[in-house]
Amino acid sequence: MVLILILYVGAALLLALYGVHTLVLTWIYWRRCRRRQDPAPPPLTETPDVTVQLPIYNEAHVVQRLIEAVARLDWPRERLHIQVLDDSDDETTALAEASVQGWRRQGVDVALLRRPTRAGYKAGALAYGLTAATGEFIAIFDADFVPPPDFLRRTVPYFLADPQLGFIQTRWTHLNASESPLTQAQALALDGHFVVEQTARQAAGWFINFNGTAGLWRRACIEDAGGWRNDTLAEDLDLSYRAQLRGWRGRYLGDVASPAELPPQLAAFKRQQSRWAQGSIQCLRLLAGPVWRSRRPLAARLAALLHISGYLVHPLMLILLLTALPLLWYGAGTPWPLAYMSLASLGPPLLYATAQKALYPRWRWLRRYAFLPVLALIGAGVALSNTLAVLRGLGTWGGHFRRTPKFRREGQRGGWLGQRYTLPLEGIVVGEALLSLYAWAAIAVAAARAHFWAIPFLLLYAGGFGLVTGLALWQARPVQAKPKEKRPRPLKTVSGRARV
């Protein structure tokens, strides 16, 4: 029982530390960034060569939309070079080839590059493309993004004004945030990261990270930092930290918006989170030592370690749940304030509220912030999936890069269920259902022994695992009347314009 109590207290205190970290970031934002805007980009004195890399794998729904958006970037055509880095093994390749040929006939320098193998997954594809790249700067967009035409004109000038600037990250926005409560909750979480966390870290002079897409790199920085590596499933986090440890600077531009698609399927969201969790923990193993030994201020080093270890909150949450029941059953006198200090701290709610208030004027932000309970439940419900990913990250290097399926969602509701790339029901749902029942058992024990302080804390778990289980089963149900799937058609050129 003493060991269980130690585990409970230790997990609660560590969770409280992460909560304090979010409070600090929110405080920095309010003090230094709330009324500031990104300075206007320096005058564009020249237009250097830019290579845009588009790593894709089985993206039949969105590949043509992506190529079209990048082909329409407002940049001199003789200075813009586009690489479609295609590792697909389905009809995506034919669709991409048709799109590439259509835009090449219109004078756009776009090439389809295919590798002999998919070694290294996304990191391998980016490294392969870099060997053939001609641009001084490298822009990267994942398949679900639709960059605005002025993207390069609003970003490249910063590189020209600062020779030590190694990479730029822009803010993600959402094509289908209003599609469902699940996508609303994801938008809330991502807004918190991009609006508050990235801005506050930059203002404090701490490490910031490249988010894998919707950004640019100076090619010399990539090469100096050691290039793209596949030691982790978070090659973006890895390279951005290595670059900053080498003395390069990163810059976050919150005023430059890059629209993207949010996963409408819970299984796809969990897969994405699992990959990020495994990759970030691998980065923790790889980078913790170099970060701590760097000459950065102590606050910057501590913030960096909390940043790259952030997914440890999920195993810590699971430990709290698993230890709560025996402590309640045996009446061990659990220190109840710790539960509220860790899980009900004001850090995350304040951070998300601050982000929404910054993005939406008057009271519009409250409509979006109303999905905070959904985000809290889903955050608890994915704790098992992310814990398993954390364990894989602690025990292995690299791993299988499981892509997040995209369905070309642009504000629609429904219609994706049963389409190509829809993920099947996974066995982990059994464990999530059992954890929901476990939490309900703990609630019953807490009520019977008059430990009412524990019930709201346990309801978060019971509801979270129950919601994740129910939603997974609902989205995996057979489609009764599956409509005939509309397959993307290759591009045709009509009167000098590419049409789908």
Protein backbone atom coordinates (compact mmCIF):
# COMPACT_ATOMS: atom_id res chain seq x y z
CA MET A 1 0.00 0.00 0.00
CA VAL A 2 2.91 2.35 0.70
CA LEU A 3 4.21 1.77 -2.84
CA ILE A 4 0.79 2.54 -4.31
CA LEU A 5 0.59 5.75 -2.30
CA ILE A 6 4.07 6.76 -3.47
CA LEU A 7 3.08 6.14 -7.10
CA TYR A 8 -0.08 8.20 -6.64
CA VAL A 9 1.69 11.14 -5.00
CA GLY A 10 4.56 11.06 -7.49
CA ALA A 11 2.23 11.02 -10.50
CA ALA A 12 0.09 13.83 -9.07
CA LEU A 13 3.10 16.03 -8.36
CA LEU A 14 4.56 15.52 -11.82
CA LEU A 15 1.21 16.28 -13.43
CA ALA A 16 1.03 19.42 -11.33
CA LEU A 17 4.43 20.42 -12.74
CA TYR A 18 3.09 20.20 -16.29
CA GLY A 19 0.06 22.22 -15.21
CA VAL A 20 2.31 24.92 -13.79
CA HIS A 21 4.21 24.95 -17.08
CA THR A 22 1.03 25.79 -19.00
CA LEU A 23 0.27 28.53 -16.47
CA VAL A 24 3.73 30.01 -17.01
CA LEU A 25 3.28 29.97 -20.80
CA THR A 26 -0.12 31.65 -20.46
CA TRP A 27 1.33 34.29 -18.13
CA ILE A 28 4.17 35.02 -20.57
CA TYR A 29 1.67 35.38 -23.38
CA TRP A 30 -0.52 37.80 -21.42
CA ARG A 31 2.43 39.85 -20.26
CA ARG A 32 4.47 40.06 -23.47
CA CYS A 33 2.43 38.99 -26.47
CA ARG A 34 -1.26 39.66 -26.00
CA ARG A 35 -1.35 43.02 -27.78
CA ARG A 36 1.51 42.42 -30.16
CA GLN A 37 1.39 41.40 -33.78
CA ASP A 38 4.13 39.96 -35.91
CA PRO A 39 6.18 42.82 -37.37
CA ALA A 40 5.67 43.39 -41.05
CA PRO A 41 8.05 41.29 -43.13
CA PRO A 42 11.17 43.09 -44.34
CA PRO A 43 11.04 44.38 -47.90
CA LEU A 44 11.56 41.63 -50.44
CA THR A 45 14.81 42.74 -52.04
CA GLU A 46 15.31 39.54 -54.05
CA THR A 47 13.44 36.35 -54.93
CA PRO A 48 15.72 33.39 -54.19
CA ASP A 49 15.10 29.87 -55.40
CA VAL A 50 12.57 28.00 -53.26
CA THR A 51 11.93 24.26 -53.38
CA VAL A 52 8.55 23.12 -52.06
CA GLN A 53 8.50 19.51 -50.89
CA LEU A 54 5.20 17.61 -50.72
CA PRO A 55 5.68 14.23 -48.98
CA ILE A 56 2.66 12.01 -49.72
CA TYR A 57 1.65 8.42 -49.18
CA ASN A 58 -1.73 7.12 -50.37
CA GLU A 59 -3.51 10.49 -50.49
CA ALA A 60 -5.97 10.03 -53.36
CA HIS A 61 -8.56 12.35 -51.85
CA VAL A 62 -6.31 15.38 -51.40
CA VAL A 63 -3.20 15.09 -53.56
CA GLN A 64 -4.56 17.14 -56.47
CA ARG A 65 -5.85 19.88 -54.17
CA LEU A 66 -2.40 20.10 -52.58
CA ILE A 67 -0.51 20.30 -55.88
CA GLU A 68 -2.90 22.93 -57.23
CA ALA A 69 -2.53 25.12 -54.12
CA VAL A 70 1.27 24.97 -54.26
CA ALA A 71 1.35 25.57 -58.02
CA ARG A 72 -0.60 28.78 -57.43
CA LEU A 73 1.92 30.22 -54.97
CA ASP A 74 2.75 33.81 -55.81
CA TRP A 75 6.44 33.43 -56.64
CA PRO A 76 8.40 33.83 -59.87
CA ARG A 77 8.03 30.58 -61.76
CA GLU A 78 11.69 30.39 -62.64
CA ARG A 79 12.43 30.51 -58.88
CA LEU A 80 9.80 28.02 -57.71
CA HIS A 81 10.53 24.29 -57.81
CA ILE A 82 7.99 21.76 -56.55
CA GLN A 83 8.80 18.17 -55.56
CA VAL A 84 5.95 15.69 -55.13
CA LEU A 85 7.67 13.06 -52.96
CA ASP A 86 5.36 10.14 -53.64
CA ASP A 87 5.73 6.87 -51.69
CA SER A 88 2.20 5.71 -52.57
CA ASP A 89 1.20 2.20 -53.53
CA ASP A 90 -2.33 2.97 -54.76
CA GLU A 91 -4.00 5.19 -57.38
CA THR A 92 -2.56 8.31 -55.73
CA THR A 93 0.47 8.02 -58.00
CA ALA A 94 -1.62 8.16 -61.18
CA LEU A 95 -3.59 11.14 -59.86
CA ALA A 96 -0.39 12.94 -58.84
CA GLU A 97 1.23 12.23 -62.21
CA ALA A 98 -1.78 13.63 -64.08
CA SER A 99 -1.75 16.74 -61.93
CA VAL A 100 1.99 17.21 -62.35
CA GLN A 101 1.77 16.89 -66.13
CA GLY A 102 -1.11 19.36 -66.27
CA TRP A 103 0.79 22.02 -64.33
CA ARG A 104 4.03 21.40 -66.21
CA ARG A 105 2.21 22.21 -69.43
CA GLN A 106 1.35 25.55 -67.86
CA GLY A 107 4.99 26.29 -67.13
CA VAL A 108 5.18 25.26 -63.47
CA ASP A 109 8.40 23.46 -62.46
CA VAL A 110 6.90 20.49 -60.65
CA ALA A 111 8.31 16.95 -60.57
CA LEU A 112 7.07 13.64 -59.24
CA LEU A 113 9.84 11.80 -57.37
CA ARG A 114 9.49 8.18 -56.35
CA ARG A 115 12.00 6.19 -54.27
CA PRO A 116 12.91 2.52 -54.68
CA THR A 117 11.70 1.84 -51.11
CA ARG A 118 9.81 3.69 -48.39
CA ALA A 119 12.81 3.53 -46.04
CA GLY A 120 12.75 6.19 -43.35
CA TYR A 121 9.13 7.11 -44.17
CA LYS A 122 8.60 10.89 -44.20
CA ALA A 123 12.13 11.70 -43.01
CA GLY A 124 13.53 9.45 -45.71
CA ALA A 125 11.39 11.06 -48.38
CA LEU A 126 12.45 14.58 -47.37
CA ALA A 127 16.11 13.57 -47.32
CA TYR A 128 15.76 11.91 -50.73
CA GLY A 129 14.15 15.00 -52.20
CA LEU A 130 16.80 17.26 -50.73
CA THR A 131 19.50 15.58 -52.81
CA ALA A 132 17.71 16.79 -55.95
CA ALA A 133 16.52 20.14 -54.58
CA THR A 134 17.87 23.34 -56.11
CA GLY A 135 16.32 25.87 -53.75
CA GLU A 136 18.17 27.85 -51.12
CA PHE A 137 15.03 27.55 -48.99
CA ILE A 138 12.84 24.48 -48.53
CA ALA A 139 9.12 24.75 -47.86
CA ILE A 140 7.22 21.67 -46.66
CA PHE A 141 3.50 20.92 -46.80
CA ASP A 142 1.73 17.72 -45.79
CA ALA A 143 -1.05 16.40 -48.00
CA ASP A 144 -3.93 17.87 -45.98
CA PHE A 145 -2.72 21.49 -46.23
CA VAL A 146 -3.85 24.24 -48.59
CA PRO A 147 -1.25 27.03 -48.42
CA PRO A 148 -2.42 30.55 -49.35
CA PRO A 149 -0.96 32.11 -52.52
CA ASP A 150 1.03 34.75 -50.60
CA PHE A 151 2.69 32.21 -48.28
CA LEU A 152 6.23 32.65 -49.63
CA ARG A 153 6.03 36.43 -49.92
CA ARG A 154 5.07 36.63 -46.24
CA THR A 155 7.81 34.28 -45.01
CA VAL A 156 10.92 34.30 -47.21
CA PRO A 157 11.83 37.97 -46.46
CA TYR A 158 12.55 37.05 -42.82
CA PHE A 159 15.31 34.71 -43.99
CA LEU A 160 16.86 37.41 -46.12
CA ALA A 161 16.94 39.82 -43.17
CA ASP A 162 18.44 37.32 -40.69
CA PRO A 163 21.26 35.03 -41.86
CA GLN A 164 21.03 32.96 -38.65
CA LEU A 165 17.34 32.19 -39.11
CA GLY A 166 17.17 28.45 -39.74
CA PHE A 167 13.45 27.71 -39.97
CA ILE A 168 10.03 29.35 -39.89
CA GLN A 169 6.82 27.80 -38.61
CA THR A 170 3.40 29.27 -39.43
CA ARG A 171 0.07 28.84 -37.65
CA TRP A 172 -2.22 25.99 -38.60
CA THR A 173 -5.86 26.83 -39.19
CA HIS A 174 -8.68 24.38 -39.82
CA LEU A 175 -10.71 23.60 -42.92
CA ASN A 176 -13.32 21.53 -41.07
CA ALA A 177 -13.29 22.64 -37.43
CA SER A 178 -17.09 22.86 -37.28
CA GLU A 179 -17.66 19.38 -38.68
CA SER A 180 -18.19 17.63 -35.33
CA PRO A 181 -17.47 17.93 -31.59
CA LEU A 182 -14.34 15.85 -32.20
CA THR A 183 -12.94 18.30 -34.76
CA GLN A 184 -13.99 21.25 -32.58
CA ALA A 185 -12.01 19.79 -29.69
CA GLN A 186 -8.96 19.22 -31.90
CA ALA A 187 -9.13 22.79 -33.16
CA LEU A 188 -9.27 24.04 -29.57
CA ALA A 189 -6.14 22.09 -28.65
CA LEU A 190 -4.17 23.11 -31.73
CA ASP A 191 -5.12 26.77 -31.29
CA GLY A 192 -3.77 26.61 -27.76
CA HIS A 193 -0.46 25.27 -29.02
CA PHE A 194 -0.01 27.69 -31.90
CA VAL A 195 -1.48 30.87 -30.45
CA VAL A 196 -0.17 30.68 -26.87
CA GLU A 197 2.57 28.06 -26.54
CA GLN A 198 4.57 28.82 -29.67
CA THR A 199 4.19 32.58 -29.23
CA ALA A 200 5.15 32.51 -25.55
CA ARG A 201 8.17 30.26 -26.09
CA GLN A 202 9.44 32.57 -28.78
CA ALA A 203 8.88 35.68 -26.66
CA ALA A 204 10.78 34.09 -23.76
CA GLY A 205 13.72 33.11 -25.95
CA TRP A 206 13.12 29.39 -25.37
CA PHE A 207 13.30 26.53 -27.86
CA ILE A 208 10.44 26.41 -30.35
CA ASN A 209 9.66 23.51 -32.64
CA PHE A 210 8.96 22.99 -36.30
CA ASN A 211 5.60 21.22 -36.60
CA GLY A 212 6.46 19.16 -39.65
CA THR A 213 4.50 21.15 -42.21
CA ALA A 214 3.42 24.67 -43.20
CA GLY A 215 6.91 26.05 -42.73
CA LEU A 216 10.25 26.68 -44.38
CA TRP A 217 13.86 25.77 -43.79
CA ARG A 218 17.12 27.30 -44.86
CA ARG A 219 18.82 24.45 -46.67
CA ALA A 220 22.17 25.27 -45.08
CA CYS A 221 20.55 24.88 -41.65
CA ILE A 222 19.18 21.42 -42.47
CA GLU A 223 22.59 20.26 -43.62
CA ASP A 224 24.50 21.86 -40.75
CA ALA A 225 22.19 20.29 -38.15
CA GLY A 226 22.73 16.80 -39.54
CA GLY A 227 19.81 16.49 -41.96
CA TRP A 228 16.58 14.54 -41.66
CA ARG A 229 16.92 11.41 -39.54
CA ASN A 230 14.57 8.51 -38.94
CA ASP A 231 15.69 7.73 -35.37
CA THR A 232 12.34 9.09 -34.22
CA LEU A 233 8.77 9.35 -35.52
CA ALA A 234 8.97 13.09 -34.82
CA GLU A 235 11.64 14.07 -37.34
CA ASP A 236 10.36 17.64 -37.26
CA LEU A 237 10.82 18.09 -33.50
CA ASP A 238 14.20 16.35 -33.66
CA LEU A 239 15.67 18.50 -36.44
CA SER A 240 14.33 21.79 -35.06
CA TYR A 241 15.95 21.16 -31.68
CA ARG A 242 19.22 20.00 -33.22
CA ALA A 243 19.28 23.14 -35.36
CA GLN A 244 18.79 25.43 -32.36
CA LEU A 245 21.45 23.57 -30.41
CA ARG A 246 23.79 24.34 -33.33
CA GLY A 247 23.09 28.06 -32.94
CA TRP A 248 20.41 28.53 -35.59
CA ARG A 249 17.26 30.44 -34.72
CA GLY A 250 13.69 29.41 -35.34
CA ARG A 251 10.83 31.83 -35.87
CA TYR A 252 7.11 31.40 -35.39
CA LEU A 253 4.77 33.59 -37.47
CA GLY A 254 1.33 33.51 -35.90
CA ASP A 255 -0.14 35.97 -38.40
CA VAL A 256 0.53 33.66 -41.35
CA ALA A 257 -2.29 31.10 -41.47
CA SER A 258 -1.99 27.72 -43.20
CA PRO A 259 -5.34 25.88 -43.51
CA ALA A 260 -5.41 22.12 -42.98
CA GLU A 261 -7.81 19.25 -42.45
CA LEU A 262 -8.57 17.81 -39.00
CA PRO A 263 -9.11 14.03 -38.71
CA PRO A 264 -12.88 13.41 -38.54
CA GLN A 265 -12.43 9.80 -37.38
CA LEU A 266 -11.47 9.10 -33.77
CA ALA A 267 -9.22 6.21 -34.85
CA ALA A 268 -7.33 8.57 -37.16
CA PHE A 269 -6.94 11.15 -34.39
CA LYS A 270 -5.67 8.48 -32.00
CA ARG A 271 -3.21 7.23 -34.62
CA GLN A 272 -1.90 10.77 -35.10
CA GLN A 273 -1.58 11.32 -31.34
CA SER A 274 0.11 7.95 -30.89
CA ARG A 275 2.71 8.76 -33.54
CA TRP A 276 3.39 12.16 -32.00
CA ALA A 277 3.66 10.61 -28.52
CA GLN A 278 6.10 7.89 -29.59
CA GLY A 279 8.19 10.32 -31.62
CA SER A 280 8.41 13.00 -28.93
CA ILE A 281 9.52 10.49 -26.29
CA GLN A 282 12.19 9.22 -28.68
CA CYS A 283 13.29 12.84 -29.06
CA LEU A 284 13.41 13.11 -25.27
CA ARG A 285 15.83 10.19 -25.15
CA LEU A 286 17.88 11.67 -27.97
CA LEU A 287 17.91 15.33 -26.96
CA ALA A 288 17.56 15.54 -23.17
CA GLY A 289 21.31 15.32 -22.61
CA PRO A 290 22.35 17.85 -25.26
CA VAL A 291 19.62 20.27 -24.16
CA TRP A 292 20.65 20.07 -20.51
CA ARG A 293 24.35 20.49 -21.34
CA SER A 294 23.70 23.47 -23.61
CA ARG A 295 24.55 27.00 -22.55
CA ARG A 296 20.94 28.11 -22.58
CA PRO A 297 19.53 29.69 -19.39
CA LEU A 298 18.19 27.28 -16.82
CA ALA A 299 14.58 28.34 -17.45
CA ALA A 300 14.97 27.64 -21.18
CA ARG A 301 16.43 24.18 -20.54
CA LEU A 302 13.71 23.24 -18.06
CA ALA A 303 11.00 24.48 -20.42
CA ALA A 304 12.52 22.46 -23.27
CA LEU A 305 12.54 19.26 -21.22
CA LEU A 306 8.91 19.79 -20.23
CA HIS A 307 8.09 20.51 -23.86
CA ILE A 308 9.57 17.38 -25.41
CA SER A 309 8.40 15.15 -22.54
CA GLY A 310 4.82 16.47 -22.64
CA TYR A 311 3.24 13.15 -23.61
CA LEU A 312 4.36 11.67 -20.30
CA VAL A 313 1.18 13.20 -18.86
CA HIS A 314 -0.79 10.25 -20.26
CA PRO A 315 0.98 7.44 -18.36
CA LEU A 316 0.91 9.69 -15.30
CA MET A 317 -2.86 10.07 -15.67
CA LEU A 318 -3.21 6.32 -16.02
CA ILE A 319 -1.18 5.77 -12.85
CA LEU A 320 -3.50 8.12 -10.96
CA LEU A 321 -6.54 6.17 -12.05
CA LEU A 322 -5.09 2.73 -11.35
CA THR A 323 -3.87 3.69 -7.88
CA ALA A 324 -7.03 5.56 -6.86
CA LEU A 325 -9.23 2.48 -6.47
CA PRO A 326 -7.00 0.51 -4.05
CA LEU A 327 -6.31 3.63 -2.03
CA LEU A 328 -10.03 4.33 -1.72
CA TRP A 329 -10.85 0.70 -1.00
CA TYR A 330 -8.38 0.35 1.84
CA GLY A 331 -9.00 3.85 3.18
CA ALA A 332 -5.34 4.75 2.98
CA GLY A 333 -6.09 8.41 3.35
CA THR A 334 -5.11 9.65 -0.10
CA PRO A 335 -3.96 13.26 -0.15
CA TRP A 336 -7.00 14.44 -2.11
CA PRO A 337 -5.74 17.95 -2.95
CA LEU A 338 -3.16 16.39 -5.25
CA ALA A 339 -5.84 15.10 -7.62
CA TYR A 340 -7.20 18.57 -8.17
CA MET A 341 -3.73 20.10 -8.31
CA SER A 342 -2.87 17.81 -11.23
CA LEU A 343 -5.97 17.22 -13.32
CA ALA A 344 -8.17 20.19 -12.45
CA SER A 345 -5.46 22.83 -12.41
CA LEU A 346 -6.28 26.05 -14.15
CA GLY A 347 -3.33 25.86 -16.56
CA PRO A 348 -4.83 24.12 -19.62
CA PRO A 349 -8.31 25.75 -19.40
CA LEU A 350 -6.75 29.21 -19.14
CA LEU A 351 -4.38 28.53 -22.00
CA TYR A 352 -7.20 27.40 -24.31
CA ALA A 353 -9.41 30.31 -23.27
CA THR A 354 -6.58 32.75 -23.98
CA ALA A 355 -6.06 31.31 -27.46
CA GLN A 356 -9.73 31.52 -28.38
CA LYS A 357 -10.03 35.05 -27.01
CA ALA A 358 -7.05 36.10 -29.13
CA LEU A 359 -8.50 34.58 -32.30
CA TYR A 360 -12.16 35.53 -32.07
CA PRO A 361 -13.51 38.95 -31.03
CA ARG A 362 -16.30 39.82 -28.60
CA TRP A 363 -18.15 36.71 -27.45
CA ARG A 364 -17.59 34.51 -30.51
CA TRP A 365 -14.73 32.78 -28.72
CA LEU A 366 -17.10 31.38 -26.09
CA ARG A 367 -18.92 29.27 -28.70
CA ARG A 368 -15.64 27.56 -29.56
CA TYR A 369 -14.44 27.39 -25.98
CA ALA A 370 -17.66 25.54 -25.08
CA PHE A 371 -16.05 22.39 -26.47
CA LEU A 372 -13.48 22.34 -23.65
CA PRO A 373 -15.33 19.51 -21.81
CA VAL A 374 -15.17 17.41 -24.98
CA LEU A 375 -11.43 18.06 -25.23
CA ALA A 376 -10.95 17.13 -21.56
CA LEU A 377 -12.86 13.86 -21.98
CA ILE A 378 -11.01 12.90 -25.15
CA GLY A 379 -7.69 13.85 -23.53
CA ALA A 380 -8.43 11.40 -20.72
CA GLY A 381 -9.85 8.79 -23.08
CA VAL A 382 -6.72 8.53 -25.23
CA ALA A 383 -4.50 8.02 -22.18
CA LEU A 384 -4.20 4.26 -22.76
CA SER A 385 -3.36 4.61 -26.46
CA ASN A 386 -0.78 7.30 -25.80
CA THR A 387 0.70 5.42 -22.84
CA LEU A 388 1.40 2.44 -25.08
CA ALA A 389 3.01 4.82 -27.58
CA VAL A 390 5.16 6.34 -24.84
CA LEU A 391 6.34 2.86 -23.87
CA ARG A 392 7.26 2.15 -27.48
CA GLY A 393 9.14 5.44 -27.58
CA LEU A 394 11.07 4.51 -24.46
CA GLY A 395 11.99 1.09 -25.77
CA THR A 396 12.64 1.50 -29.49
CA TRP A 397 14.08 3.86 -32.08
CA GLY A 398 12.16 4.75 -35.20
CA GLY A 399 9.14 2.58 -35.87
CA HIS A 400 6.38 2.21 -38.42
CA PHE A 401 5.10 5.60 -39.57
CA ARG A 402 1.34 5.10 -39.70
CA ARG A 403 -0.14 7.96 -41.72
CA THR A 404 -3.21 9.90 -40.66
CA PRO A 405 -5.89 9.32 -43.33
CA LYS A 406 -7.44 12.36 -45.00
CA PHE A 407 -10.84 12.58 -46.65
CA ARG A 408 -10.86 16.09 -48.15
CA ARG A 409 -13.06 17.56 -45.45
CA GLU A 410 -13.80 21.22 -46.02
CA GLY A 411 -16.59 22.04 -43.59
CA GLN A 412 -18.92 19.20 -44.59
CA ARG A 413 -20.67 17.02 -42.05
CA GLY A 414 -20.61 13.27 -42.49
CA GLY A 415 -19.97 11.44 -45.73
CA TRP A 416 -16.51 10.09 -44.97
CA LEU A 417 -17.61 6.91 -43.19
CA GLY A 418 -16.85 3.84 -45.28
CA GLN A 419 -14.65 5.71 -47.75
CA ARG A 420 -11.24 4.52 -48.81
CA TYR A 421 -8.70 4.95 -45.97
CA THR A 422 -11.34 4.70 -43.21
CA LEU A 423 -9.63 2.86 -40.34
CA PRO A 424 -11.07 -0.33 -38.84
CA LEU A 425 -11.96 -0.87 -35.20
CA GLU A 426 -8.86 -1.72 -33.13
CA GLY A 427 -8.57 -4.12 -30.20
CA ILE A 428 -7.47 -1.36 -27.83
CA VAL A 429 -11.14 -0.41 -27.49
CA VAL A 430 -11.52 -3.38 -25.11
CA GLY A 431 -8.91 -1.96 -22.77
CA GLU A 432 -10.52 1.47 -22.92
CA ALA A 433 -13.92 0.00 -22.07
CA LEU A 434 -12.43 -1.87 -19.11
CA LEU A 435 -10.76 1.29 -17.84
CA SER A 436 -14.12 3.07 -17.99
CA LEU A 437 -15.66 0.30 -15.89
CA TYR A 438 -12.69 0.49 -13.51
CA ALA A 439 -13.28 4.21 -13.05
CA TRP A 440 -16.98 3.62 -12.37
CA ALA A 441 -16.03 1.01 -9.75
CA ALA A 442 -13.74 3.56 -8.10
CA ILE A 443 -16.60 6.08 -8.11
CA ALA A 444 -18.84 3.55 -6.35
CA VAL A 445 -16.21 2.91 -3.71
CA ALA A 446 -15.62 6.64 -3.23
CA ALA A 447 -19.34 7.24 -2.75
CA ALA A 448 -19.70 4.30 -0.33
CA ARG A 449 -16.80 5.53 1.80
CA ALA A 450 -17.85 9.20 1.64
CA HIS A 451 -14.74 10.25 -0.30
CA PHE A 452 -16.80 12.65 -2.40
CA TRP A 453 -13.76 14.76 -3.28
CA ALA A 454 -12.59 11.96 -5.60
CA ILE A 455 -15.78 11.61 -7.63
CA PRO A 456 -15.33 14.55 -10.08
CA PHE A 457 -11.73 13.45 -10.67
CA LEU A 458 -12.85 9.88 -11.42
CA LEU A 459 -15.79 10.98 -13.57
CA LEU A 460 -13.28 12.48 -16.01
CA TYR A 461 -11.81 9.02 -16.54
CA ALA A 462 -15.11 7.17 -16.61
CA GLY A 463 -16.57 9.63 -19.09
CA GLY A 464 -13.39 9.92 -21.16
CA PHE A 465 -12.80 6.21 -21.66
CA GLY A 466 -16.53 5.68 -22.12
CA LEU A 467 -16.72 8.40 -24.78
CA VAL A 468 -13.71 7.06 -26.67
CA THR A 469 -15.12 3.53 -26.55
CA GLY A 470 -18.59 4.54 -27.66
CA LEU A 471 -17.39 6.82 -30.45
CA ALA A 472 -15.00 4.17 -31.77
CA LEU A 473 -17.81 1.60 -31.90
CA TRP A 474 -20.20 4.07 -33.52
CA GLN A 475 -17.75 5.10 -36.22
CA ALA A 476 -16.89 1.46 -36.92
CA ARG A 477 -20.53 0.47 -37.51
CA PRO A 478 -21.40 -0.97 -40.92
CA VAL A 479 -22.61 1.58 -43.42
CA GLN A 480 -26.17 0.66 -44.34
CA ALA A 481 -26.48 2.37 -47.69
CA LYS A 482 -22.99 3.22 -48.75
CA PRO A 483 -23.11 5.78 -51.55
CA LYS A 484 -21.03 5.16 -54.60
CA GLU A 485 -17.66 6.70 -53.86
CA LYS A 486 -16.75 9.61 -56.05
CA ARG A 487 -13.21 8.99 -57.17
CA PRO A 488 -10.95 11.95 -57.89
CA ARG A 489 -10.52 12.52 -61.61
CA PRO A 490 -7.19 13.32 -63.20
CA LEU A 491 -6.52 16.91 -64.13
CA LYS A 492 -7.44 18.14 -67.56
CA THR A 493 -6.37 21.44 -69.02
CA VAL A 494 -9.14 23.55 -70.45
CA SER A 495 -8.39 26.96 -71.96
CA GLY A 496 -5.09 27.20 -70.15
CA ARG A 497 -6.56 26.45 -66.69
CA ALA A 498 -6.20 23.22 -64.78
CA ARG A 499 -9.54 21.77 -63.77
CA VAL A 500 -10.55 18.74 -61.74
